[in-house]
Amino acid sequence: MSHLVRFADGTGTVRIGLLADDGLRPLAVASMSDLLRRPLAEIRELAGAAGEPEPTDGVRLLPPLDGRMEVWAAGVTYLRSEEARREESADEDVYARVYRAERPELFFKSSAWRVVTDDEPIAVRADSANNVPEPELGLLLTGTGEIAGYVVVDDVSSRSIEGENPLYLPQAKIYTGSCAVSARVRPAWEVPDPLALDLRMRILRDGHEVFAGEASTAQLNREPAGLVEYLWRDNDFPDGAVLSTGTSVVPGLDQGLRPGDVVEIEIGEVGSLRSPVVLGADEVRRVLAARTDGPN
């Protein structure tokens, strides 16, 4: 199994590479956005022509986004998500309608520089009584909307804020520490069927499992290509984007996140994502400020 990665080498230089069993092979591109400005066929050629394996001592994997890349997300794409959104909301019908509608729910989630990755903290809002992780399959998209790879995404959300009023969705979904993306990108050409992937998530508290759930992307109510098509309508992503496809694993209203928890997500054939949980944005801000790549 191989993965495209964005990494800082021992000198702090940020590079793009192909991580496989035989080591980390550099790609002849300057950045992830440079890679994604190219057609998928060329990306595959570059991956096939990756350089000789280099030592991984001192290497630090970074979020697979830079430049003008953005993370967007789809909502109510699984039946369980539709049910959960109705549970938390005073306006249940709005979610039932979008689940059945031709047009999907799509919303902005994060700019590149705000994204956290493996073993970096996610945050629960200090002004929210109920916050949950939402494990999702993410699509890494080229600047023209081709699917170049797959990632694990945690669309951390405030159920209590969104449940109070659907118009509060941006506050429930978009804040510092609300978007985690796996550092490893599984190339699209190595995943035969993205709608046949097992997804698992668990929440650990004081070393003990307090929630576990699993699903399959076969339960997705939308075709990934259809979600991409709607995202690209009258919209531009010249440096590429990540589109998160929605969740079918939703903790109950009494199973929200607490500071000190650890969230572990695994998607078969794609990879995994592990995130410690903190209260508020301060610790996440420190992590973002300390990165060697700085703001993108």
Protein backbone atom coordinates (compact mmCIF):
# COMPACT_ATOMS: atom_id res chain seq x y z
CA MET A 1 0.00 0.00 0.00
CA SER A 2 1.34 3.44 -0.92
CA HIS A 3 0.26 6.95 0.08
CA LEU A 4 0.91 10.42 -1.24
CA VAL A 5 2.17 12.62 1.59
CA ARG A 6 3.17 16.18 2.29
CA PHE A 7 6.06 16.28 4.73
CA ALA A 8 8.78 18.37 6.32
CA ASP A 9 12.20 16.75 5.97
CA GLY A 10 15.03 16.90 8.49
CA THR A 11 15.97 20.41 7.35
CA GLY A 12 12.40 21.69 7.68
CA THR A 13 11.87 21.86 3.92
CA VAL A 14 8.30 20.97 2.95
CA ARG A 15 8.09 18.43 0.14
CA ILE A 16 5.71 15.96 -1.51
CA GLY A 17 6.44 12.24 -1.64
CA LEU A 18 5.15 8.72 -2.06
CA LEU A 19 5.28 6.72 1.17
CA ALA A 20 5.39 2.94 0.71
CA ASP A 21 6.87 -0.16 2.31
CA ASP A 22 10.26 0.57 0.76
CA GLY A 23 10.45 4.10 2.15
CA LEU A 24 9.64 7.70 1.28
CA ARG A 25 10.21 8.64 -2.35
CA PRO A 26 10.18 12.34 -3.29
CA LEU A 27 8.04 13.62 -6.15
CA ALA A 28 9.25 16.27 -8.57
CA VAL A 29 6.69 18.89 -7.53
CA ALA A 30 6.93 21.93 -5.29
CA SER A 31 3.73 21.51 -3.27
CA MET A 32 0.47 19.61 -3.02
CA SER A 33 -1.31 22.40 -4.87
CA ASP A 34 1.35 22.20 -7.60
CA LEU A 35 0.60 18.48 -7.91
CA LEU A 36 -3.17 18.99 -8.02
CA ARG A 37 -3.01 21.62 -10.73
CA ARG A 38 -2.08 18.75 -13.05
CA PRO A 39 -4.35 16.19 -14.74
CA LEU A 40 -4.84 12.90 -12.92
CA ALA A 41 -2.95 10.99 -15.61
CA GLU A 42 0.11 13.19 -15.07
CA ILE A 43 -0.16 12.83 -11.28
CA ARG A 44 -0.10 9.07 -11.69
CA GLU A 45 2.96 9.31 -13.95
CA LEU A 46 4.77 11.49 -11.40
CA ALA A 47 3.99 8.99 -8.65
CA GLY A 48 5.32 6.18 -10.81
CA ALA A 49 8.51 8.14 -11.46
CA ALA A 50 9.14 9.03 -7.80
CA GLY A 51 12.78 9.21 -6.79
CA GLU A 52 14.87 6.80 -4.77
CA PRO A 53 13.78 6.11 -1.17
CA GLU A 54 15.15 8.59 1.35
CA PRO A 55 15.71 8.23 5.11
CA THR A 56 12.68 9.08 7.20
CA ASP A 57 14.67 10.21 10.24
CA GLY A 58 13.40 13.62 11.30
CA VAL A 59 10.55 13.55 8.79
CA ARG A 60 7.22 14.99 9.95
CA LEU A 61 4.03 14.33 8.05
CA LEU A 62 1.84 17.39 7.47
CA PRO A 63 -1.79 17.88 6.45
CA PRO A 64 -2.13 17.13 2.72
CA LEU A 65 -3.35 20.64 1.90
CA ASP A 66 -1.56 23.88 1.10
CA GLY A 67 -1.87 27.01 -1.00
CA ARG A 68 -5.44 27.98 -1.86
CA MET A 69 -6.84 24.52 -1.14
CA GLU A 70 -10.03 24.25 0.89
CA VAL A 71 -11.98 21.53 2.67
CA TRP A 72 -15.68 21.29 1.86
CA ALA A 73 -18.13 18.76 3.25
CA ALA A 74 -21.39 17.11 2.30
CA GLY A 75 -24.14 16.57 4.82
CA VAL A 76 -27.07 14.18 5.19
CA THR A 77 -25.62 11.70 2.71
CA TYR A 78 -26.32 8.61 4.84
CA LEU A 79 -29.62 7.59 6.42
CA ARG A 80 -28.06 7.57 9.92
CA SER A 81 -26.87 11.15 9.43
CA GLU A 82 -30.36 12.22 8.41
CA GLU A 83 -31.80 10.53 11.50
CA ALA A 84 -29.20 12.09 13.81
CA ARG A 85 -29.73 15.58 12.43
CA ARG A 86 -33.49 15.19 13.00
CA GLU A 87 -32.87 14.00 16.57
CA GLU A 88 -30.95 17.14 17.45
CA SER A 89 -33.05 19.68 15.56
CA ALA A 90 -36.29 21.49 16.25
CA ASP A 91 -36.85 21.59 12.47
CA GLU A 92 -36.69 17.92 11.51
CA ASP A 93 -38.20 18.23 8.04
CA VAL A 94 -35.35 20.27 6.58
CA TYR A 95 -33.01 17.26 6.90
CA ALA A 96 -35.50 14.74 5.53
CA ARG A 97 -36.02 16.95 2.49
CA VAL A 98 -32.32 17.35 1.69
CA TYR A 99 -31.71 13.60 2.08
CA ARG A 100 -34.23 12.99 -0.72
CA ALA A 101 -33.42 16.04 -2.84
CA GLU A 102 -31.43 16.06 -6.06
CA ARG A 103 -29.20 18.89 -4.80
CA PRO A 104 -26.93 17.82 -1.91
CA GLU A 105 -26.05 19.82 1.16
CA LEU A 106 -22.51 21.17 0.68
CA PHE A 107 -20.74 23.55 3.02
CA PHE A 108 -17.32 25.10 3.49
CA LYS A 109 -15.39 23.42 6.30
CA SER A 110 -11.82 24.77 6.47
CA SER A 111 -9.05 26.61 4.71
CA ALA A 112 -5.79 24.70 4.28
CA TRP A 113 -3.85 26.39 7.08
CA ARG A 114 -6.45 25.53 9.74
CA VAL A 115 -6.48 21.77 9.06
CA VAL A 116 -4.94 19.48 11.68
CA THR A 117 -3.70 15.97 11.04
CA ASP A 118 -2.62 12.75 12.77
CA ASP A 119 -1.99 13.09 16.54
CA GLU A 120 -2.74 16.82 16.46
CA PRO A 121 -5.62 18.03 18.65
CA ILE A 122 -9.21 18.56 17.65
CA ALA A 123 -11.32 20.90 19.76
CA VAL A 124 -14.73 20.92 21.36
CA ARG A 125 -16.31 24.34 21.49
CA ALA A 126 -16.33 25.93 24.93
CA ASP A 127 -19.81 27.35 24.27
CA SER A 128 -21.38 24.05 23.20
CA ALA A 129 -22.84 21.36 25.43
CA ASN A 130 -22.63 18.56 22.87
CA ASN A 131 -19.78 18.06 20.39
CA VAL A 132 -19.17 14.97 18.28
CA PRO A 133 -16.62 13.56 15.83
CA GLU A 134 -17.96 12.67 12.39
CA PRO A 135 -15.76 10.12 10.55
CA GLU A 136 -15.90 10.54 6.80
CA LEU A 137 -14.29 9.45 3.55
CA GLY A 138 -12.65 12.46 1.93
CA LEU A 139 -11.95 12.95 -1.77
CA LEU A 140 -8.70 14.68 -2.73
CA LEU A 141 -9.60 16.57 -5.91
CA THR A 142 -7.50 18.08 -8.66
CA GLY A 143 -8.05 21.63 -9.85
CA THR A 144 -10.47 20.32 -12.47
CA GLY A 145 -12.39 18.05 -10.11
CA GLU A 146 -10.79 14.67 -10.82
CA ILE A 147 -10.52 12.36 -7.81
CA ALA A 148 -6.78 11.96 -7.19
CA GLY A 149 -6.99 10.14 -3.87
CA TYR A 150 -8.84 9.36 -0.67
CA VAL A 151 -8.27 10.55 2.90
CA VAL A 152 -9.81 10.11 6.34
CA VAL A 153 -11.65 13.20 7.58
CA ASP A 154 -13.08 14.07 10.99
CA ASP A 155 -15.78 16.72 10.57
CA VAL A 156 -15.95 17.72 14.24
CA SER A 157 -19.31 19.36 14.95
CA SER A 158 -21.38 20.99 17.67
CA ARG A 159 -24.70 19.15 17.75
CA SER A 160 -26.19 21.47 20.35
CA ILE A 161 -25.49 24.65 18.36
CA GLU A 162 -26.76 23.29 15.05
CA GLY A 163 -29.72 21.66 16.78
CA GLU A 164 -30.81 24.99 18.22
CA ASN A 165 -31.22 26.45 14.72
CA PRO A 166 -30.05 25.11 11.32
CA LEU A 167 -28.90 28.64 10.44
CA TYR A 168 -26.20 28.22 13.09
CA LEU A 169 -24.54 25.54 10.91
CA PRO A 170 -21.40 27.66 10.19
CA GLN A 171 -20.77 28.13 13.92
CA ALA A 172 -21.36 24.44 14.58
CA LYS A 173 -19.05 23.31 11.78
CA ILE A 174 -16.37 25.95 11.21
CA TYR A 175 -14.03 26.81 14.07
CA THR A 176 -10.40 26.28 15.03
CA GLY A 177 -9.81 22.58 15.65
CA SER A 178 -12.94 21.35 13.88
CA CYS A 179 -11.31 19.77 10.83
CA ALA A 180 -8.82 16.89 10.91
CA VAL A 181 -7.53 15.18 7.75
CA SER A 182 -5.21 12.18 7.61
CA ALA A 183 -1.68 12.97 6.48
CA ARG A 184 -1.67 9.96 4.15
CA VAL A 185 -3.56 10.09 0.85
CA ARG A 186 -4.38 6.77 -0.78
CA PRO A 187 -4.03 7.22 -4.56
CA ALA A 188 -7.34 6.85 -6.38
CA TRP A 189 -5.89 4.34 -8.84
CA GLU A 190 -5.17 1.95 -5.96
CA VAL A 191 -8.78 1.89 -4.66
CA PRO A 192 -10.92 -0.28 -6.97
CA ASP A 193 -14.29 0.63 -5.42
CA PRO A 194 -14.62 3.61 -3.05
CA LEU A 195 -18.22 2.55 -2.36
CA ALA A 196 -17.13 -0.72 -0.74
CA LEU A 197 -14.98 0.54 2.14
CA ASP A 198 -15.43 -0.32 5.81
CA LEU A 199 -15.33 2.63 8.21
CA ARG A 200 -14.79 2.34 11.96
CA MET A 201 -14.55 4.88 14.75
CA ARG A 202 -14.06 4.66 18.48
CA ILE A 203 -13.74 7.17 21.29
CA LEU A 204 -11.32 6.41 24.13
CA ARG A 205 -11.64 8.03 27.56
CA ASP A 206 -8.98 7.40 30.20
CA GLY A 207 -7.82 4.48 28.05
CA HIS A 208 -11.25 2.86 27.91
CA GLU A 209 -13.54 2.62 24.90
CA VAL A 210 -16.72 4.64 25.53
CA PHE A 211 -18.08 4.55 21.98
CA ALA A 212 -17.53 2.38 18.92
CA GLY A 213 -19.34 2.40 15.61
CA GLU A 214 -18.87 1.12 12.10
CA ALA A 215 -20.42 1.56 8.67
CA SER A 216 -19.68 1.06 5.00
CA THR A 217 -19.42 3.57 2.19
CA ALA A 218 -21.84 1.26 0.37
CA GLN A 219 -24.52 3.00 2.47
CA LEU A 220 -23.74 6.37 0.89
CA ASN A 221 -26.88 7.91 -0.60
CA ARG A 222 -24.89 9.98 -3.13
CA GLU A 223 -22.37 9.09 -5.81
CA PRO A 224 -19.00 10.76 -5.10
CA ALA A 225 -18.84 12.03 -8.68
CA GLY A 226 -22.24 13.66 -8.23
CA LEU A 227 -21.09 15.47 -5.09
CA VAL A 228 -18.02 16.73 -6.94
CA GLU A 229 -20.15 17.92 -9.86
CA TYR A 230 -22.30 20.04 -7.56
CA LEU A 231 -19.26 21.42 -5.73
CA TRP A 232 -17.75 22.56 -9.02
CA ARG A 233 -20.92 24.32 -10.22
CA ASP A 234 -19.99 28.01 -10.61
CA ASN A 235 -17.11 27.47 -8.19
CA ASP A 236 -13.35 27.35 -8.67
CA PHE A 237 -10.64 25.36 -6.90
CA PRO A 238 -7.51 25.95 -9.01
CA ASP A 239 -5.21 24.38 -6.39
CA GLY A 240 -7.52 21.45 -5.73
CA ALA A 241 -9.69 20.67 -2.72
CA VAL A 242 -10.80 18.00 -0.26
CA LEU A 243 -14.49 17.08 -0.30
CA SER A 244 -15.68 15.12 2.73
CA THR A 245 -18.58 12.85 1.79
CA GLY A 246 -20.61 12.69 5.00
CA THR A 247 -20.92 10.31 7.93
CA SER A 248 -22.95 7.29 8.95
CA VAL A 249 -21.36 6.85 12.39
CA VAL A 250 -22.85 9.33 14.82
CA PRO A 251 -22.51 9.05 18.62
CA GLY A 252 -25.74 9.45 20.56
CA LEU A 253 -26.77 12.70 22.17
CA ASP A 254 -25.43 11.36 25.48
CA GLN A 255 -22.07 10.29 24.00
CA GLY A 256 -20.43 13.59 23.12
CA LEU A 257 -16.71 14.35 23.26
CA ARG A 258 -14.90 15.49 26.39
CA PRO A 259 -11.47 17.09 26.75
CA GLY A 260 -8.88 14.33 27.14
CA ASP A 261 -10.71 11.88 24.88
CA VAL A 262 -8.95 10.30 21.90
CA VAL A 263 -10.78 9.68 18.61
CA GLU A 264 -9.55 6.87 16.35
CA ILE A 265 -10.93 6.47 12.82
CA GLU A 266 -10.03 3.80 10.29
CA ILE A 267 -11.20 3.39 6.69
CA GLY A 268 -10.28 0.16 4.95
CA GLU A 269 -7.89 0.54 1.97
CA VAL A 270 -7.46 4.25 2.80
CA GLY A 271 -5.85 4.72 6.21
CA SER A 272 -6.43 5.97 9.73
CA LEU A 273 -6.63 9.16 11.78
CA ARG A 274 -5.99 9.60 15.51
CA SER A 275 -6.89 12.82 17.33
CA PRO A 276 -6.67 13.86 21.00
CA VAL A 277 -9.47 16.16 22.14
CA VAL A 278 -8.97 19.55 23.82
CA LEU A 279 -11.34 22.23 25.09
CA GLY A 280 -11.42 25.43 23.07
CA ALA A 281 -9.02 26.74 20.46
CA ASP A 282 -5.90 27.72 22.43
CA GLU A 283 -4.01 24.42 22.20
CA VAL A 284 -4.88 24.04 18.51
CA ARG A 285 -3.63 27.58 17.86
CA ARG A 286 -0.29 26.68 19.46
CA VAL A 287 0.04 23.60 17.24
CA LEU A 288 -0.77 25.58 14.09
CA ALA A 289 1.67 28.36 15.04
CA ALA A 290 4.50 25.89 15.69
CA ARG A 291 4.38 24.20 12.30
CA THR A 292 7.55 24.51 10.25
CA ASP A 293 5.53 25.16 7.10
CA GLY A 294 3.73 28.14 8.66
CA PRO A 295 0.45 29.54 7.35
CA ASN A 296 -0.20 28.51 3.75
